[in-house]
Amino acid sequence: MKRSLFIAGLLVALLTAGCRDNSADLRHQAQVEALMQQLSIREKVAQLIVLTISREPSDSTRSLQDSLIRDEGLGGVIIMRGPVRPFIERMNELQALSKLPLLVATDAEWGAAMRFAEYLPYPRQRILGRLEGRSGRKLIYKMGRNVGRELRDLNIYVNYAPVADACPDPYDKSDGQRSFGSDPEMVGDYATAYMKGMQDEGIYACGKHYPGHGATTVDSHYEMPVVLYDRARLDSVELAPFQRLIDEGVAMIMVAHMSIPAIDSTGIPMSISAPCMKELLREEQGFRGLVITDAVGMQGVAAGRTPLEVNTAVYRAGSDMILMPDDIKLTIDAIADSVACGIWPVEELDAKVRRVLTLKANAGFFDEGYSPIVRDLDQKIADARQRDSLLQVRIDRALSRSSKPYIEPVGGDKTLVLDKAGK
């Protein structure tokens, strides 16, 4: 009932605003502006929060999640690892509680199988980097479309992929498998192909880990990496794949928890650095999409800082959304109070919220007849497995013909390590 009244009010606002243009872009813009007029400052801040949804939450966690979605009006959630059905059932519950449809995200670098065992896994990006030429890019594009279909069927509209890090050969890190390779031009080409495939299916891609995490050997889940390259090297290697994604229209960029003194001489993490996000990414590289950082609980930024300090620093530095924060209510209070009192500009908040709402509007969330509830899950999984198995045969054949060698990491092959949160 609450959602019905809210949407009814939205439709009235649209009609009274004279929004009768048949253009989807104009319709979506009008939807966003109508919502901006209806949301309070506190509700706007809540739209910037991405809540973690993990498997088998306790009763107290479920109650807290329900409250945050129903009463605070959070804007998005991220799904972690586990069986797909409990997650989708939980998403259906939360969507029913939410006044506005939730923007659901996940990390699906090699497809939905990265999170859900019911799906077939595609090769890691390092393996895909062995594909050659135009035919290789076409296969990666088709993989992007298939992954997009997998996620769209589940009403997951954000994939925190592709990884656009150029990782040197031989690499000395457990997550080197997540990079397409060492050549920045090839990384840009293949990341762009993957991105376009997903976005052509209506799924928002996210280039990560800006401004380039490939040359680090330190895991930012546990401590902050420091990169000492000069700006000329950064421009030609680390930043080049991201510039390609930006030029080709990537929807989102994820900023890493790493220090690069050539970008910000204070030595703070890029994820709380205005010179990185506002000056380099926005002004120099011309990115106009949505900015998010890696999970704010990671020690690369969280060490020595309280959750509230991290969350507000990420907001002030230029991130549009706050990923997987603790102390959510306290954070909403702090940001909303600072904006309401004029300490932080309301224009900055409104710009962030418009970017979030525009993603939702462009996905059709506010169109008549849209439903965020996932149905016919078994059939959708079966269809995805059939599509993926056919494409995987083609990828395997192309890999078997590849003249590119497989590059072993330093010290032998390593298994991809994900922390307890699955990031």
Protein backbone atom coordinates (compact mmCIF):
# COMPACT_ATOMS: atom_id res chain seq x y z
CA MET A 1 0.00 0.00 0.00
CA LYS A 2 2.81 2.39 0.92
CA ARG A 3 4.55 1.86 -2.44
CA SER A 4 1.24 2.16 -4.34
CA LEU A 5 0.50 5.55 -2.78
CA PHE A 6 4.02 6.75 -3.49
CA ILE A 7 3.96 5.67 -7.15
CA ALA A 8 0.49 7.15 -7.54
CA GLY A 9 1.84 10.44 -6.24
CA LEU A 10 4.72 10.20 -8.68
CA LEU A 11 2.36 9.69 -11.62
CA VAL A 12 0.27 12.67 -10.57
CA ALA A 13 3.41 14.79 -10.35
CA LEU A 14 4.43 13.70 -13.83
CA LEU A 15 1.06 14.54 -15.32
CA THR A 16 0.85 17.93 -13.65
CA ALA A 17 4.35 18.67 -14.90
CA GLY A 18 3.06 18.15 -18.43
CA CYS A 19 5.37 15.21 -19.13
CA ARG A 20 3.71 13.69 -22.21
CA ASP A 21 6.76 13.29 -24.44
CA ASN A 22 7.15 9.82 -25.93
CA SER A 23 10.95 9.95 -25.72
CA ALA A 24 12.25 7.50 -23.12
CA ASP A 25 15.08 9.84 -22.13
CA LEU A 26 12.74 12.75 -21.50
CA ARG A 27 10.29 10.51 -19.67
CA HIS A 28 13.00 9.17 -17.41
CA GLN A 29 14.40 12.63 -16.77
CA ALA A 30 10.94 13.81 -15.75
CA GLN A 31 10.56 10.80 -13.46
CA VAL A 32 13.84 11.64 -11.74
CA GLU A 33 12.96 15.31 -11.29
CA ALA A 34 9.53 14.43 -9.89
CA LEU A 35 11.18 12.15 -7.35
CA MET A 36 13.75 14.78 -6.43
CA GLN A 37 10.88 17.08 -5.46
CA GLN A 38 9.30 14.40 -3.26
CA LEU A 39 12.32 13.09 -1.37
CA SER A 40 13.48 14.71 1.85
CA ILE A 41 17.16 15.35 2.46
CA ARG A 42 17.34 12.27 4.67
CA GLU A 43 15.61 10.12 2.04
CA LYS A 44 18.04 11.39 -0.57
CA VAL A 45 21.03 10.39 1.56
CA ALA A 46 19.53 6.95 2.10
CA GLN A 47 19.42 6.42 -1.69
CA LEU A 48 23.23 6.50 -1.66
CA ILE A 49 23.65 3.51 0.68
CA VAL A 50 24.33 -0.04 -0.60
CA LEU A 51 23.43 -2.61 2.05
CA THR A 52 25.12 -6.02 2.28
CA ILE A 53 22.86 -9.05 1.95
CA SER A 54 24.66 -12.24 2.98
CA ARG A 55 23.45 -15.82 3.19
CA GLU A 56 21.42 -17.07 6.16
CA PRO A 57 21.11 -13.83 8.15
CA SER A 58 20.14 -14.09 11.81
CA ASP A 59 16.73 -12.96 12.98
CA SER A 60 18.22 -9.75 14.37
CA THR A 61 20.02 -9.04 11.09
CA ARG A 62 16.85 -9.64 9.08
CA SER A 63 14.95 -7.28 11.35
CA LEU A 64 17.61 -4.59 10.97
CA GLN A 65 17.67 -5.01 7.18
CA ASP A 66 13.88 -4.76 7.04
CA SER A 67 13.97 -1.57 9.07
CA LEU A 68 16.71 0.02 6.97
CA ILE A 69 14.85 -0.70 3.75
CA ARG A 70 11.31 0.06 4.94
CA ASP A 71 11.92 2.97 7.31
CA GLU A 72 15.16 4.56 6.07
CA GLY A 73 14.59 3.98 2.36
CA LEU A 74 18.03 2.70 1.35
CA GLY A 75 18.76 2.85 -2.35
CA GLY A 76 20.54 -0.42 -3.06
CA VAL A 77 21.82 -3.77 -1.91
CA ILE A 78 24.71 -6.03 -2.86
CA ILE A 79 24.27 -9.80 -2.95
CA MET A 80 27.14 -11.99 -1.79
CA ARG A 81 27.82 -15.73 -2.23
CA GLY A 82 25.41 -18.59 -1.63
CA PRO A 83 22.53 -20.56 -3.16
CA VAL A 84 20.55 -18.36 -5.51
CA ARG A 85 17.04 -19.18 -4.31
CA PRO A 86 17.36 -17.88 -0.71
CA PHE A 87 18.90 -14.67 -2.03
CA ILE A 88 16.16 -14.09 -4.57
CA GLU A 89 13.44 -14.87 -2.03
CA ARG A 90 15.07 -12.37 0.33
CA MET A 91 15.31 -9.79 -2.45
CA ASN A 92 11.63 -10.25 -3.21
CA GLU A 93 10.84 -9.60 0.46
CA LEU A 94 12.97 -6.47 0.62
CA GLN A 95 11.69 -5.12 -2.69
CA ALA A 96 8.16 -5.46 -1.35
CA LEU A 97 9.16 -3.37 1.69
CA SER A 98 10.93 -0.66 -0.29
CA LYS A 99 9.20 2.57 -1.28
CA LEU A 100 11.37 2.78 -4.42
CA PRO A 101 12.71 -0.27 -6.25
CA LEU A 102 16.13 -1.25 -4.93
CA LEU A 103 19.17 -1.13 -7.21
CA VAL A 104 20.55 -4.65 -6.73
CA ALA A 105 24.24 -5.26 -7.40
CA THR A 106 26.73 -8.11 -7.24
CA ASP A 107 30.26 -9.07 -8.27
CA ALA A 108 29.89 -11.36 -11.27
CA GLU A 109 33.24 -11.02 -13.02
CA TRP A 110 32.99 -14.47 -14.59
CA GLY A 111 29.22 -14.56 -14.58
CA ALA A 112 26.52 -15.23 -12.03
CA ALA A 113 28.51 -18.35 -11.06
CA MET A 114 30.91 -16.11 -9.13
CA ARG A 115 28.07 -15.80 -6.63
CA PHE A 116 25.67 -18.63 -7.37
CA ALA A 117 26.78 -22.24 -7.89
CA GLU A 118 23.66 -23.01 -9.93
CA TYR A 119 25.17 -21.19 -12.92
CA LEU A 120 28.01 -22.19 -15.24
CA PRO A 121 31.27 -20.26 -14.72
CA TYR A 122 33.04 -18.49 -17.54
CA PRO A 123 36.86 -18.38 -17.56
CA ARG A 124 38.59 -15.80 -15.39
CA GLN A 125 39.63 -12.61 -17.14
CA ARG A 126 43.29 -13.70 -17.18
CA ILE A 127 42.35 -16.73 -19.26
CA LEU A 128 40.09 -14.65 -21.51
CA GLY A 129 43.08 -12.42 -22.14
CA ARG A 130 44.54 -15.30 -24.19
CA LEU A 131 41.79 -14.88 -26.78
CA GLU A 132 43.10 -13.21 -29.90
CA GLY A 133 42.09 -10.32 -32.10
CA ARG A 134 38.69 -9.28 -33.28
CA SER A 135 37.22 -12.76 -32.87
CA GLY A 136 38.35 -12.79 -29.24
CA ARG A 137 36.72 -9.45 -28.56
CA LYS A 138 33.50 -10.70 -30.15
CA LEU A 139 33.44 -13.71 -27.85
CA ILE A 140 34.00 -11.53 -24.81
CA TYR A 141 31.22 -9.21 -25.97
CA LYS A 142 28.87 -12.19 -26.32
CA MET A 143 29.90 -13.37 -22.87
CA GLY A 144 28.97 -9.92 -21.57
CA ARG A 145 25.55 -10.24 -23.14
CA ASN A 146 25.01 -13.69 -21.64
CA VAL A 147 26.12 -12.50 -18.21
CA GLY A 148 23.81 -9.53 -18.63
CA ARG A 149 20.90 -11.87 -19.37
CA GLU A 150 21.73 -13.98 -16.30
CA LEU A 151 21.65 -10.95 -14.03
CA ARG A 152 18.67 -9.22 -15.64
CA ASP A 153 16.62 -12.38 -15.16
CA LEU A 154 17.37 -12.03 -11.44
CA ASN A 155 16.63 -8.27 -11.36
CA ILE A 156 20.31 -7.63 -10.58
CA TYR A 157 21.02 -4.50 -12.60
CA VAL A 158 24.59 -3.71 -11.50
CA ASN A 159 27.62 -5.92 -12.09
CA TYR A 160 30.81 -4.71 -10.43
CA ALA A 161 32.82 -5.77 -13.46
CA PRO A 162 34.93 -5.70 -15.56
CA VAL A 163 38.30 -5.45 -13.86
CA ALA A 164 40.29 -2.90 -15.90
CA ASP A 165 43.58 -3.29 -14.03
CA ALA A 166 46.66 -3.88 -16.18
CA CYS A 167 48.52 -6.54 -14.18
CA PRO A 168 52.23 -7.08 -14.98
CA ASP A 169 53.62 -10.43 -16.15
CA PRO A 170 54.50 -12.49 -14.23
CA TYR A 171 52.08 -11.34 -11.57
CA ASP A 172 52.70 -11.81 -7.85
CA LYS A 173 49.23 -11.57 -6.39
CA SER A 174 46.41 -13.99 -5.69
CA ASP A 175 43.84 -11.99 -7.67
CA GLY A 176 45.96 -11.57 -10.79
CA GLN A 177 43.50 -13.93 -12.49
CA ARG A 178 41.01 -11.08 -12.42
CA SER A 179 43.01 -8.96 -14.88
CA PHE A 180 42.91 -9.46 -18.66
CA GLY A 181 46.69 -9.05 -18.76
CA SER A 182 49.62 -6.65 -18.77
CA ASP A 183 49.09 -4.73 -22.01
CA PRO A 184 46.92 -1.65 -21.26
CA GLU A 185 45.59 -1.42 -24.82
CA MET A 186 44.44 -5.04 -24.79
CA VAL A 187 42.98 -4.66 -21.30
CA GLY A 188 41.03 -1.63 -22.49
CA ASP A 189 39.79 -3.45 -25.59
CA TYR A 190 38.63 -6.56 -23.74
CA ALA A 191 37.18 -4.69 -20.77
CA THR A 192 35.23 -2.50 -23.19
CA ALA A 193 33.90 -5.52 -25.09
CA TYR A 194 32.69 -7.10 -21.84
CA MET A 195 31.19 -3.81 -20.67
CA LYS A 196 29.33 -3.21 -23.94
CA GLY A 197 27.89 -6.71 -23.91
CA MET A 198 26.42 -6.23 -20.45
CA GLN A 199 25.17 -2.71 -21.07
CA ASP A 200 23.54 -3.76 -24.34
CA GLU A 201 21.46 -6.11 -22.18
CA GLY A 202 20.52 -3.27 -19.83
CA ILE A 203 22.96 -4.15 -17.05
CA TYR A 204 25.18 -1.42 -15.63
CA ALA A 205 28.87 -2.31 -15.83
CA CYS A 206 31.45 -0.96 -13.39
CA GLY A 207 35.13 -0.56 -14.28
CA LYS A 208 37.39 -1.37 -11.35
CA HIS A 209 39.74 -0.85 -9.49
CA TYR A 210 40.40 2.79 -10.39
CA PRO A 211 42.97 4.30 -10.87
CA GLY A 212 44.60 0.88 -11.43
CA HIS A 213 45.33 -1.87 -8.88
CA GLY A 214 47.24 -4.22 -11.15
CA ALA A 215 50.81 -3.42 -10.13
CA THR A 216 50.21 -3.85 -6.39
CA THR A 217 51.15 -6.93 -4.38
CA VAL A 218 49.35 -5.84 -1.21
CA ASP A 219 45.75 -6.93 -0.66
CA SER A 220 43.66 -3.85 0.15
CA HIS A 221 41.23 -6.00 2.12
CA TYR A 222 43.91 -6.14 4.81
CA GLU A 223 46.20 -3.11 4.31
CA MET A 224 46.65 -0.14 2.00
CA PRO A 225 48.81 -0.61 -1.10
CA VAL A 226 51.08 2.25 -2.14
CA VAL A 227 51.96 2.85 -5.80
CA LEU A 228 54.97 5.11 -6.44
CA TYR A 229 54.79 5.46 -10.22
CA ASP A 230 55.00 8.94 -11.71
CA ARG A 231 52.12 10.49 -13.59
CA ALA A 232 53.51 9.67 -17.04
CA ARG A 233 53.56 5.97 -16.20
CA LEU A 234 50.08 6.14 -14.68
CA ASP A 235 48.67 7.82 -17.78
CA SER A 236 50.17 5.29 -20.18
CA VAL A 237 49.46 2.09 -18.24
CA GLU A 238 47.16 2.25 -15.21
CA LEU A 239 44.75 4.95 -16.37
CA ALA A 240 44.60 4.04 -20.06
CA PRO A 241 42.09 1.14 -19.80
CA PHE A 242 39.79 3.25 -17.65
CA GLN A 243 39.96 6.11 -20.14
CA ARG A 244 38.88 3.67 -22.84
CA LEU A 245 35.90 2.53 -20.74
CA ILE A 246 34.94 6.13 -20.01
CA ASP A 247 35.14 7.09 -23.67
CA GLU A 248 32.95 4.11 -24.58
CA GLY A 249 30.23 4.93 -22.05
CA VAL A 250 30.76 2.74 -18.98
CA ALA A 251 28.02 3.42 -16.43
CA MET A 252 30.06 3.17 -13.23
CA ILE A 253 33.64 3.36 -11.95
CA MET A 254 34.82 1.77 -8.69
CA VAL A 255 37.68 3.52 -6.87
CA ALA A 256 40.26 1.45 -4.95
CA HIS A 257 41.61 1.78 -1.43
CA MET A 258 45.22 2.50 -2.41
CA SER A 259 47.64 5.41 -2.09
CA ILE A 260 49.18 7.01 -5.18
CA PRO A 261 51.24 10.09 -4.18
CA ALA A 262 51.52 11.22 -7.81
CA ILE A 263 47.76 11.79 -7.70
CA ASP A 264 47.33 12.87 -4.08
CA SER A 265 50.51 13.90 -2.28
CA THR A 266 48.88 13.51 1.16
CA GLY A 267 49.16 9.73 0.82
CA ILE A 268 45.54 9.03 1.73
CA PRO A 269 43.61 6.27 -0.07
CA MET A 270 42.20 7.15 -3.47
CA SER A 271 38.75 6.22 -2.13
CA ILE A 272 38.74 9.28 0.15
CA SER A 273 40.75 11.53 -2.16
CA ALA A 274 39.01 14.47 -3.84
CA PRO A 275 42.04 15.01 -6.15
CA CYS A 276 41.46 11.45 -7.41
CA MET A 277 37.68 11.42 -7.78
CA LYS A 278 36.77 15.05 -8.43
CA GLU A 279 39.86 16.32 -10.25
CA LEU A 280 41.34 13.32 -12.05
CA LEU A 281 38.31 11.12 -12.72
CA ARG A 282 35.64 13.78 -13.22
CA GLU A 283 37.55 16.78 -14.61
CA GLU A 284 40.57 15.32 -16.42
CA GLN A 285 39.15 12.04 -17.65
CA GLY A 286 35.65 13.39 -18.19
CA PHE A 287 33.66 10.69 -16.42
CA ARG A 288 29.98 11.63 -16.03
CA GLY A 289 28.61 8.35 -14.71
CA LEU A 290 28.22 7.02 -11.19
CA VAL A 291 31.26 6.74 -8.91
CA ILE A 292 31.48 4.18 -6.14
CA THR A 293 34.39 2.94 -4.05
CA ASP A 294 35.34 -0.57 -3.08
CA ALA A 295 33.70 -1.84 0.13
CA VAL A 296 34.27 0.72 2.86
CA GLY A 297 34.98 -1.89 5.52
CA MET A 298 38.21 -2.99 3.85
CA GLN A 299 41.33 -2.22 5.88
CA GLY A 300 42.92 -0.31 3.03
CA VAL A 301 40.71 2.59 4.09
CA ALA A 302 39.16 1.50 7.39
CA ALA A 303 42.40 1.03 9.38
CA GLY A 304 42.65 3.76 12.01
CA ARG A 305 39.27 5.26 11.12
CA THR A 306 35.78 4.73 12.52
CA PRO A 307 33.04 3.58 10.14
CA LEU A 308 31.41 7.01 10.35
CA GLU A 309 34.70 8.72 9.50
CA VAL A 310 35.19 6.46 6.48
CA ASN A 311 31.62 6.79 5.23
CA THR A 312 31.55 10.57 5.43
CA ALA A 313 35.05 10.86 3.94
CA VAL A 314 34.02 8.71 0.97
CA TYR A 315 30.96 10.90 0.46
CA ARG A 316 32.90 14.16 0.64
CA ALA A 317 35.68 12.94 -1.65
CA GLY A 318 33.25 12.36 -4.50
CA SER A 319 31.76 8.87 -4.32
CA ASP A 320 28.09 8.76 -5.27
CA MET A 321 27.26 5.58 -3.34
CA ILE A 322 28.66 4.09 -0.14
CA LEU A 323 29.27 0.36 -0.52
CA MET A 324 28.72 -2.05 2.38
CA PRO A 325 28.96 0.45 5.26
CA ASP A 326 28.53 -0.08 8.99
CA ASP A 327 26.76 2.46 11.22
CA ILE A 328 24.25 3.20 8.49
CA LYS A 329 21.71 5.20 10.51
CA LEU A 330 24.47 7.26 12.10
CA THR A 331 25.92 7.94 8.65
CA ILE A 332 22.58 9.06 7.24
CA ASP A 333 22.12 11.33 10.27
CA ALA A 334 25.57 12.90 9.87
CA ILE A 335 25.34 13.59 6.15
CA ALA A 336 21.72 14.77 6.26
CA ASP A 337 22.40 17.11 9.19
CA SER A 338 25.49 18.58 7.51
CA VAL A 339 23.51 19.25 4.34
CA ALA A 340 20.47 20.62 6.16
CA CYS A 341 22.67 23.02 8.14
CA GLY A 342 24.44 24.24 5.03
CA ILE A 343 27.82 22.83 6.05
CA TRP A 344 27.86 20.60 2.95
CA PRO A 345 26.20 21.83 -0.25
CA VAL A 346 22.78 20.47 -1.10
CA GLU A 347 23.73 20.73 -4.77
CA GLU A 348 26.40 18.06 -4.26
CA LEU A 349 23.90 15.73 -2.62
CA ASP A 350 21.33 16.33 -5.35
CA ALA A 351 23.87 15.57 -8.09
CA LYS A 352 24.69 12.23 -6.47
CA VAL A 353 21.06 11.29 -5.98
CA ARG A 354 20.18 12.23 -9.56
CA ARG A 355 22.84 9.85 -10.84
CA VAL A 356 21.42 7.01 -8.72
CA LEU A 357 17.81 7.72 -9.67
CA THR A 358 18.75 8.09 -13.34
CA LEU A 359 20.15 4.54 -13.32
CA LYS A 360 16.89 3.32 -11.85
CA ALA A 361 14.78 5.31 -14.27
CA ASN A 362 16.75 4.20 -17.32
CA ALA A 363 16.31 0.58 -16.19
CA GLY A 364 12.56 1.13 -16.26
CA PHE A 365 12.03 0.94 -12.50
CA PHE A 366 9.47 3.77 -12.52
CA ASP A 367 7.65 2.76 -15.70
CA GLU A 368 4.09 1.50 -15.54
CA GLY A 369 3.97 -2.26 -15.17
CA TYR A 370 7.51 -2.72 -13.86
CA SER A 371 7.87 -5.29 -11.09
CA PRO A 372 11.09 -5.96 -9.16
CA ILE A 373 9.84 -9.38 -8.06
CA VAL A 374 11.69 -12.35 -9.62
CA ARG A 375 9.53 -15.24 -10.81
CA ASP A 376 10.10 -18.51 -12.70
CA LEU A 377 13.60 -18.86 -11.25
CA ASP A 378 14.14 -22.51 -12.22
CA GLN A 379 13.33 -21.85 -15.86
CA LYS A 380 15.59 -18.81 -15.94
CA ILE A 381 18.50 -20.83 -14.56
CA ALA A 382 17.92 -23.62 -17.09
CA ASP A 383 17.81 -21.13 -19.98
CA ALA A 384 21.00 -19.44 -18.79
CA ARG A 385 22.87 -22.72 -18.47
CA GLN A 386 21.91 -23.66 -22.04
CA ARG A 387 23.04 -20.30 -23.44
CA ASP A 388 26.25 -20.33 -21.44
CA SER A 389 27.22 -23.89 -22.28
CA LEU A 390 26.98 -23.17 -26.03
CA LEU A 391 29.13 -20.05 -25.78
CA GLN A 392 31.65 -21.73 -23.49
CA VAL A 393 32.29 -24.38 -26.15
CA ARG A 394 33.18 -21.61 -28.59
CA ILE A 395 35.43 -19.89 -26.06
CA ASP A 396 37.20 -23.16 -25.22
CA ARG A 397 37.84 -23.85 -28.89
CA ALA A 398 39.25 -20.37 -29.42
CA LEU A 399 41.50 -20.74 -26.37
CA SER A 400 42.78 -24.09 -27.64
CA ARG A 401 43.91 -22.35 -30.85
CA SER A 402 45.46 -19.37 -29.11
CA SER A 403 49.14 -18.66 -29.62
CA LYS A 404 49.29 -16.60 -26.42
CA PRO A 405 50.98 -18.42 -23.54
CA TYR A 406 49.43 -18.77 -20.11
CA ILE A 407 51.48 -16.63 -17.71
CA GLU A 408 52.11 -18.26 -14.35
CA PRO A 409 52.12 -16.02 -11.28
CA VAL A 410 55.36 -15.69 -9.32
CA GLY A 411 55.72 -18.77 -7.14
CA GLY A 412 53.37 -20.89 -9.24
CA ASP A 413 49.63 -20.86 -9.82
CA LYS A 414 47.49 -19.33 -7.13
CA THR A 415 43.85 -19.83 -6.30
CA LEU A 416 41.68 -16.75 -6.36
CA VAL A 417 41.17 -15.67 -2.78
CA LEU A 418 38.02 -13.85 -1.74
CA ASP A 419 37.61 -12.54 1.76
CA LYS A 420 34.78 -13.59 4.05
CA ALA A 421 32.51 -10.96 2.51
CA GLY A 422 33.11 -12.47 -0.92
CA LYS A 423 34.60 -9.32 -2.45
